PDB file of N, CA and C in Angstrom:
ATOM      1  N   MET A   1     198.941-140.289  33.840  1.00  0.00           N
ATOM      2  CA  MET A   1     197.944-139.226  33.896  1.00  0.00           C
ATOM      3  C   MET A   1     196.904-139.547  34.938  1.00  0.00           C
ATOM      4  N   ASN A   2     197.336-139.881  36.128  1.00  0.00           N
ATOM      5  CA  ASN A   2     196.358-140.283  37.115  1.00  0.00           C
ATOM      6  C   ASN A   2     196.298-139.276  38.219  1.00  0.00           C
ATOM      7  N   ASN A   3     196.039-138.057  37.887  1.00  0.00           N
ATOM      8  CA  ASN A   3     195.895-136.970  38.981  1.00  0.00           C
ATOM      9  C   ASN A   3     194.512-136.363  38.944  1.00  0.00           C
ATOM     10  N   HIS A   4     193.526-137.064  38.529  1.00  0.00           N
ATOM     11  CA  HIS A   4     192.212-136.621  38.354  1.00  0.00           C
ATOM     12  C   HIS A   4     191.626-136.102  39.763  1.00  0.00           C
ATOM     13  N   GLY A   5     191.806-136.877  40.773  1.00  0.00           N
ATOM     14  CA  GLY A   5     191.382-136.515  42.082  1.00  0.00           C
ATOM     15  C   GLY A   5     191.961-135.195  42.563  1.00  0.00           C
ATOM     16  N   LYS A   6     193.229-135.028  42.304  1.00  0.00           N
ATOM     17  CA  LYS A   6     193.933-133.804  42.631  1.00  0.00           C
ATOM     18  C   LYS A   6     193.311-132.615  41.951  1.00  0.00           C
ATOM     19  N   VAL A   7     193.031-132.746  40.651  1.00  0.00           N
ATOM     20  CA  VAL A   7     192.420-131.621  39.906  1.00  0.00           C
ATOM     21  C   VAL A   7     191.054-131.286  40.490  1.00  0.00           C
ATOM     22  N   TYR A   8     190.266-132.328  40.782  1.00  0.00           N
ATOM     23  CA  TYR A   8     188.933-132.062  41.355  1.00  0.00           C
ATOM     24  C   TYR A   8     189.054-131.402  42.720  1.00  0.00           C
ATOM     25  N   ASN A   9     189.927-131.796  43.569  1.00  0.00           N
ATOM     26  CA  ASN A   9     190.100-131.215  44.880  1.00  0.00           C
ATOM     27  C   ASN A   9     190.517-129.756  44.797  1.00  0.00           C
ATOM     28  N   LEU A  10     191.371-129.419  43.888  1.00  0.00           N
ATOM     29  CA  LEU A  10     191.772-128.010  43.643  1.00  0.00           C
ATOM     30  C   LEU A  10     190.618-127.168  43.230  1.00  0.00           C
ATOM     31  N   ALA A  11     189.729-127.712  42.419  1.00  0.00           N
ATOM     32  CA  ALA A  11     188.653-126.957  41.762  1.00  0.00           C
ATOM     33  C   ALA A  11     187.428-126.855  42.629  1.00  0.00           C
ATOM     34  N   TYR A  12     187.265-127.694  43.601  1.00  0.00           N
ATOM     35  CA  TYR A  12     185.948-127.821  44.245  1.00  0.00           C
ATOM     36  C   TYR A  12     185.401-126.528  44.796  1.00  0.00           C
ATOM     37  N   ASP A  13     186.250-125.742  45.504  1.00  0.00           N
ATOM     38  CA  ASP A  13     185.763-124.504  46.060  1.00  0.00           C
ATOM     39  C   ASP A  13     186.070-123.282  45.235  1.00  0.00           C
ATOM     40  N   LYS A  14     186.518-123.442  44.046  1.00  0.00           N
ATOM     41  CA  LYS A  14     187.043-122.284  43.236  1.00  0.00           C
ATOM     42  C   LYS A  14     186.446-122.317  41.837  1.00  0.00           C
ATOM     43  N   LEU A  15     185.120-122.546  41.736  1.00  0.00           N
ATOM     44  CA  LEU A  15     184.469-122.617  40.423  1.00  0.00           C
ATOM     45  C   LEU A  15     184.151-121.193  39.976  1.00  0.00           C
ATOM     46  N   PRO A  16     184.183-120.908  38.685  1.00  0.00           N
ATOM     47  CA  PRO A  16     184.627-121.763  37.607  1.00  0.00           C
ATOM     48  C   PRO A  16     186.138-122.012  37.684  1.00  0.00           C
ATOM     49  N   PHE A  17     186.552-123.142  37.168  1.00  0.00           N
ATOM     50  CA  PHE A  17     187.972-123.550  37.287  1.00  0.00           C
ATOM     51  C   PHE A  17     188.362-124.321  35.946  1.00  0.00           C
ATOM     52  N   THR A  18     189.514-123.954  35.431  1.00  0.00           N
ATOM     53  CA  THR A  18     189.983-124.586  34.235  1.00  0.00           C
ATOM     54  C   THR A  18     191.423-125.158  34.507  1.00  0.00           C
ATOM     55  N   TYR A  19     191.642-126.372  34.212  1.00  0.00           N
ATOM     56  CA  TYR A  19     192.918-127.048  34.322  1.00  0.00           C
ATOM     57  C   TYR A  19     193.438-127.441  33.009  1.00  0.00           C
ATOM     58  N   GLU A  20     194.567-126.974  32.569  1.00  0.00           N
ATOM     59  CA  GLU A  20     195.114-127.293  31.225  1.00  0.00           C
ATOM     60  C   GLU A  20     196.435-127.988  31.416  1.00  0.00           C
ATOM     61  N   ALA A  21     196.723-128.983  30.572  1.00  0.00           N
ATOM     62  CA  ALA A  21     197.939-129.701  30.630  1.00  0.00           C
ATOM     63  C   ALA A  21     198.275-130.327  29.283  1.00  0.00           C
ATOM     64  N   ILE A  22     199.564-130.602  29.117  1.00  0.00           N
ATOM     65  CA  ILE A  22     200.002-131.282  27.923  1.00  0.00           C
ATOM     66  C   ILE A  22     200.745-132.568  28.370  1.00  0.00           C
ATOM     67  N   TYR A  23     200.361-133.697  27.804  1.00  0.00           N
ATOM     68  CA  TYR A  23     200.956-134.956  28.072  1.00  0.00           C
ATOM     69  C   TYR A  23     201.559-135.559  26.852  1.00  0.00           C
ATOM     70  N   ILE A  24     202.747-136.076  26.919  1.00  0.00           N
ATOM     71  CA  ILE A  24     203.333-136.808  25.794  1.00  0.00           C
ATOM     72  C   ILE A  24     203.137-138.295  26.132  1.00  0.00           C
ATOM     73  N   ILE A  25     202.609-139.033  25.189  1.00  0.00           N
ATOM     74  CA  ILE A  25     202.264-140.436  25.438  1.00  0.00           C
ATOM     75  C   ILE A  25     202.639-141.253  24.206  1.00  0.00           C
ATOM     76  N   PHE A  26     202.629-142.584  24.425  1.00  0.00           N
ATOM     77  CA  PHE A  26     202.806-143.500  23.332  1.00  0.00           C
ATOM     78  C   PHE A  26     201.480-143.405  22.516  1.00  0.00           C
ATOM     79  N   ALA A  27     201.594-143.297  21.243  1.00  0.00           N
ATOM     80  CA  ALA A  27     200.348-143.214  20.414  1.00  0.00           C
ATOM     81  C   ALA A  27     199.457-144.429  20.569  1.00  0.00           C
ATOM     82  N   SER A  28     200.028-145.598  20.902  1.00  0.00           N
ATOM     83  CA  SER A  28     199.266-146.820  21.093  1.00  0.00           C
ATOM     84  C   SER A  28     198.351-146.728  22.260  1.00  0.00           C
ATOM     85  N   THR A  29     198.585-145.827  23.204  1.00  0.00           N
ATOM     86  CA  THR A  29     197.787-145.748  24.401  1.00  0.00           C
ATOM     87  C   THR A  29     196.681-144.649  24.354  1.00  0.00           C
ATOM     88  N   ILE A  30     196.529-144.027  23.242  1.00  0.00           N
ATOM     89  CA  ILE A  30     195.459-142.941  23.134  1.00  0.00           C
ATOM     90  C   ILE A  30     194.098-143.428  23.531  1.00  0.00           C
ATOM     91  N   LYS A  31     193.750-144.650  23.060  1.00  0.00           N
ATOM     92  CA  LYS A  31     192.428-145.164  23.403  1.00  0.00           C
ATOM     93  C   LYS A  31     192.269-145.316  24.914  1.00  0.00           C
ATOM     94  N   GLU A  32     193.276-145.846  25.549  1.00  0.00           N
ATOM     95  CA  GLU A  32     193.265-146.052  27.009  1.00  0.00           C
ATOM     96  C   GLU A  32     193.103-144.722  27.706  1.00  0.00           C
ATOM     97  N   GLU A  33     193.776-143.683  27.244  1.00  0.00           N
ATOM     98  CA  GLU A  33     193.746-142.343  27.891  1.00  0.00           C
ATOM     99  C   GLU A  33     192.313-141.784  27.754  1.00  0.00           C
ATOM    100  N   PHE A  34     191.676-142.002  26.617  1.00  0.00           N
ATOM    101  CA  PHE A  34     190.265-141.546  26.451  1.00  0.00           C
ATOM    102  C   PHE A  34     189.376-142.284  27.406  1.00  0.00           C
ATOM    103  N   GLU A  35     189.578-143.569  27.561  1.00  0.00           N
ATOM    104  CA  GLU A  35     188.731-144.365  28.447  1.00  0.00           C
ATOM    105  C   GLU A  35     188.868-143.881  29.915  1.00  0.00           C
ATOM    106  N   ILE A  36     190.093-143.530  30.322  1.00  0.00           N
ATOM    107  CA  ILE A  36     190.322-142.978  31.663  1.00  0.00           C
ATOM    108  C   ILE A  36     189.471-141.680  31.841  1.00  0.00           C
ATOM    109  N   TYR A  37     189.563-140.795  30.888  1.00  0.00           N
ATOM    110  CA  TYR A  37     188.877-139.513  30.995  1.00  0.00           C
ATOM    111  C   TYR A  37     187.367-139.646  30.864  1.00  0.00           C
ATOM    112  N   GLU A  38     186.936-140.626  30.057  1.00  0.00           N
ATOM    113  CA  GLU A  38     185.523-140.886  29.966  1.00  0.00           C
ATOM    114  C   GLU A  38     184.963-141.353  31.304  1.00  0.00           C
ATOM    115  N   LYS A  39     185.659-142.245  31.973  1.00  0.00           N
ATOM    116  CA  LYS A  39     185.269-142.731  33.316  1.00  0.00           C
ATOM    117  C   LYS A  39     185.304-141.537  34.322  1.00  0.00           C
ATOM    118  N   PHE A  40     186.308-140.692  34.263  1.00  0.00           N
ATOM    119  CA  PHE A  40     186.389-139.494  35.140  1.00  0.00           C
ATOM    120  C   PHE A  40     185.173-138.583  34.961  1.00  0.00           C
ATOM    121  N   VAL A  41     184.865-138.316  33.731  1.00  0.00           N
ATOM    122  CA  VAL A  41     183.645-137.434  33.430  1.00  0.00           C
ATOM    123  C   VAL A  41     182.342-138.093  33.945  1.00  0.00           C
ATOM    124  N   ASN A  42     182.200-139.418  33.672  1.00  0.00           N
ATOM    125  CA  ASN A  42     180.994-140.087  34.097  1.00  0.00           C
ATOM    126  C   ASN A  42     180.903-140.094  35.624  1.00  0.00           C
ATOM    127  N   ASP A  43     182.006-140.371  36.339  1.00  0.00           N
ATOM    128  CA  ASP A  43     182.001-140.341  37.761  1.00  0.00           C
ATOM    129  C   ASP A  43     181.655-138.956  38.368  1.00  0.00           C
ATOM    130  N   PHE A  44     182.278-137.920  37.742  1.00  0.00           N
ATOM    131  CA  PHE A  44     182.033-136.575  38.130  1.00  0.00           C
ATOM    132  C   PHE A  44     180.532-136.183  37.981  1.00  0.00           C
ATOM    133  N   VAL A  45     179.944-136.508  36.887  1.00  0.00           N
ATOM    134  CA  VAL A  45     178.560-136.187  36.584  1.00  0.00           C
ATOM    135  C   VAL A  45     177.624-136.865  37.586  1.00  0.00           C
ATOM    136  N   LYS A  46     177.897-138.110  37.925  1.00  0.00           N
ATOM    137  CA  LYS A  46     177.105-138.883  38.871  1.00  0.00           C
ATOM    138  C   LYS A  46     177.090-138.226  40.263  1.00  0.00           C
ATOM    139  N   LYS A  47     178.290-137.719  40.693  1.00  0.00           N
ATOM    140  CA  LYS A  47     178.471-137.209  41.981  1.00  0.00           C
ATOM    141  C   LYS A  47     178.126-135.708  42.178  1.00  0.00           C
ATOM    142  N   ASN A  48     178.072-134.969  41.076  1.00  0.00           N
ATOM    143  CA  ASN A  48     178.019-133.533  41.166  1.00  0.00           C
ATOM    144  C   ASN A  48     176.945-132.995  40.221  1.00  0.00           C
ATOM    145  N   ASN A  49     175.696-133.208  40.508  1.00  0.00           N
ATOM    146  CA  ASN A  49     174.644-132.844  39.599  1.00  0.00           C
ATOM    147  C   ASN A  49     174.397-131.336  39.576  1.00  0.00           C
ATOM    148  N   ASN A  50     175.065-130.586  40.468  1.00  0.00           N
ATOM    149  CA  ASN A  50     174.963-129.110  40.418  1.00  0.00           C
ATOM    150  C   ASN A  50     176.109-128.382  39.751  1.00  0.00           C
ATOM    151  N   GLN A  51     177.026-129.182  39.187  1.00  0.00           N
ATOM    152  CA  GLN A  51     178.144-128.623  38.507  1.00  0.00           C
ATOM    153  C   GLN A  51     178.267-129.224  37.116  1.00  0.00           C
ATOM    154  N   SER A  52     178.908-128.452  36.175  1.00  0.00           N
ATOM    155  CA  SER A  52     179.125-128.954  34.886  1.00  0.00           C
ATOM    156  C   SER A  52     180.614-129.172  34.677  1.00  0.00           C
ATOM    157  N   LEU A  53     180.898-130.056  33.758  1.00  0.00           N
ATOM    158  CA  LEU A  53     182.289-130.389  33.483  1.00  0.00           C
ATOM    159  C   LEU A  53     182.450-130.576  31.943  1.00  0.00           C
ATOM    160  N   SER A  54     183.460-129.941  31.386  1.00  0.00           N
ATOM    161  CA  SER A  54     183.792-130.203  29.953  1.00  0.00           C
ATOM    162  C   SER A  54     185.303-130.491  29.841  1.00  0.00           C
ATOM    163  N   ILE A  55     185.585-131.368  28.947  1.00  0.00           N
ATOM    164  CA  ILE A  55     186.985-131.700  28.649  1.00  0.00           C
ATOM    165  C   ILE A  55     187.192-131.578  27.191  1.00  0.00           C
ATOM    166  N   ASP A  56     188.137-130.777  26.775  1.00  0.00           N
ATOM    167  CA  ASP A  56     188.515-130.611  25.336  1.00  0.00           C
ATOM    168  C   ASP A  56     189.860-131.240  25.073  1.00  0.00           C
ATOM    169  N   PHE A  57     189.979-132.089  24.069  1.00  0.00           N
ATOM    170  CA  PHE A  57     191.255-132.733  23.699  1.00  0.00           C
ATOM    171  C   PHE A  57     191.718-132.179  22.370  1.00  0.00           C
ATOM    172  N   ASN A  58     193.036-132.068  22.238  1.00  0.00           N
ATOM    173  CA  ASN A  58     193.645-131.775  20.965  1.00  0.00           C
ATOM    174  C   ASN A  58     194.835-132.755  20.867  1.00  0.00           C
ATOM    175  N   ILE A  59     194.810-133.727  19.900  1.00  0.00           N
ATOM    176  CA  ILE A  59     195.836-134.703  19.865  1.00  0.00           C
ATOM    177  C   ILE A  59     196.677-134.487  18.612  1.00  0.00           C
ATOM    178  N   LYS A  60     197.999-134.509  18.829  1.00  0.00           N
ATOM    179  CA  LYS A  60     198.929-134.304  17.707  1.00  0.00           C
ATOM    180  C   LYS A  60     199.957-135.505  17.752  1.00  0.00           C
ATOM    181  N   ASN A  61     200.182-136.078  16.592  1.00  0.00           N
ATOM    182  CA  ASN A  61     201.226-137.134  16.547  1.00  0.00           C
ATOM    183  C   ASN A  61     202.559-136.456  16.312  1.00  0.00           C
ATOM    184  N   ILE A  62     203.557-136.811  17.096  1.00  0.00           N
ATOM    185  CA  ILE A  62     204.864-136.427  16.886  1.00  0.00           C
ATOM    186  C   ILE A  62     205.564-137.293  15.824  1.00  0.00           C
ATOM    187  N   ASP A  63     205.369-138.564  15.951  1.00  0.00           N
ATOM    188  CA  ASP A  63     205.686-139.594  14.947  1.00  0.00           C
ATOM    189  C   ASP A  63     204.761-140.720  15.103  1.00  0.00           C
ATOM    190  N   GLU A  64     205.016-141.868  14.460  1.00  0.00           N
ATOM    191  CA  GLU A  64     204.011-142.942  14.544  1.00  0.00           C
ATOM    192  C   GLU A  64     203.943-143.579  15.869  1.00  0.00           C
ATOM    193  N   ASP A  65     204.970-143.341  16.763  1.00  0.00           N
ATOM    194  CA  ASP A  65     204.907-144.047  18.080  1.00  0.00           C
ATOM    195  C   ASP A  65     204.549-143.042  19.223  1.00  0.00           C
ATOM    196  N   ILE A  66     204.756-141.806  19.010  1.00  0.00           N
ATOM    197  CA  ILE A  66     204.597-140.828  20.128  1.00  0.00           C
ATOM    198  C   ILE A  66     203.625-139.717  19.665  1.00  0.00           C
ATOM    199  N   ALA A  67     202.734-139.402  20.602  1.00  0.00           N
ATOM    200  CA  ALA A  67     201.775-138.333  20.365  1.00  0.00           C
ATOM    201  C   ALA A  67     201.722-137.429  21.580  1.00  0.00           C
ATOM    202  N   TYR A  68     201.195-136.229  21.488  1.00  0.00           N
ATOM    203  CA  TYR A  68     200.936-135.470  22.716  1.00  0.00           C
ATOM    204  C   TYR A  68     199.467-135.000  22.709  1.00  0.00           C
ATOM    205  N   ILE A  69     198.889-134.923  23.891  1.00  0.00           N
ATOM    206  CA  ILE A  69     197.534-134.502  24.059  1.00  0.00           C
ATOM    207  C   ILE A  69     197.558-133.202  24.810  1.00  0.00           C
ATOM    208  N   ILE A  70     196.904-132.179  24.305  1.00  0.00           N
ATOM    209  CA  ILE A  70     196.690-130.950  24.993  1.00  0.00           C
ATOM    210  C   ILE A  70     195.220-130.985  25.446  1.00  0.00           C
ATOM    211  N   PHE A  71     194.986-130.925  26.732  1.00  0.00           N
ATOM    212  CA  PHE A  71     193.562-131.012  27.172  1.00  0.00           C
ATOM    213  C   PHE A  71     193.288-129.934  28.181  1.00  0.00           C
ATOM    214  N   SER A  72     191.998-129.614  28.207  1.00  0.00           N
ATOM    215  CA  SER A  72     191.497-128.558  29.190  1.00  0.00           C
ATOM    216  C   SER A  72     190.289-129.083  29.828  1.00  0.00           C
ATOM    217  N   ILE A  73     190.288-129.125  31.154  1.00  0.00           N
ATOM    218  CA  ILE A  73     189.074-129.482  31.929  1.00  0.00           C
ATOM    219  C   ILE A  73     188.495-128.181  32.516  1.00  0.00           C
ATOM    220  N   THR A  74     187.240-127.956  32.310  1.00  0.00           N
ATOM    221  CA  THR A  74     186.576-126.767  32.805  1.00  0.00           C
ATOM    222  C   THR A  74     185.398-127.226  33.707  1.00  0.00           C
ATOM    223  N   MET A  75     185.383-126.782  34.897  1.00  0.00           N
ATOM    224  CA  MET A  75     184.313-127.064  35.841  1.00  0.00           C
ATOM    225  C   MET A  75     183.600-125.756  36.157  1.00  0.00           C
ATOM    226  N   ASN A  76     182.254-125.802  36.240  1.00  0.00           N
ATOM    227  CA  ASN A  76     181.499-124.626  36.562  1.00  0.00           C
ATOM    228  C   ASN A  76     180.192-125.030  37.276  1.00  0.00           C
ATOM    229  N   ASN A  77     179.581-124.072  37.958  1.00  0.00           N
ATOM    230  CA  ASN A  77     178.258-124.323  38.547  1.00  0.00           C
ATOM    231  C   ASN A  77     177.208-124.263  37.480  1.00  0.00           C
ATOM    232  N   LYS A  78     176.266-125.162  37.531  1.00  0.00           N
ATOM    233  CA  LYS A  78     175.124-125.150  36.558  1.00  0.00           C
ATOM    234  C   LYS A  78     174.254-123.948  36.868  1.00  0.00           C
ATOM    235  N   LYS A  79     173.782-123.347  35.859  1.00  0.00           N
ATOM    236  CA  LYS A  79     172.877-122.134  36.006  1.00  0.00           C
ATOM    237  C   LYS A  79     171.496-122.512  36.160  1.00  0.00           C
TER     238      LYS A  79
END
């Protein structure tokens, strides 16, 4: 799930912008995935004080080893 820069570049000139995706992951890596997105949000906020960013997660377990994350990143200009 390392395409954050690509998402940002697509969105930069086209705000508001929403990127939605579904990722199937090992359930044991969910904490790591959240840490990646937490860093992405923090970096975005530091660099773009005129824009807002929200990320919504919906996590579902397929079984005890595999889960999927449905997430939506929305970027917009601050009013």
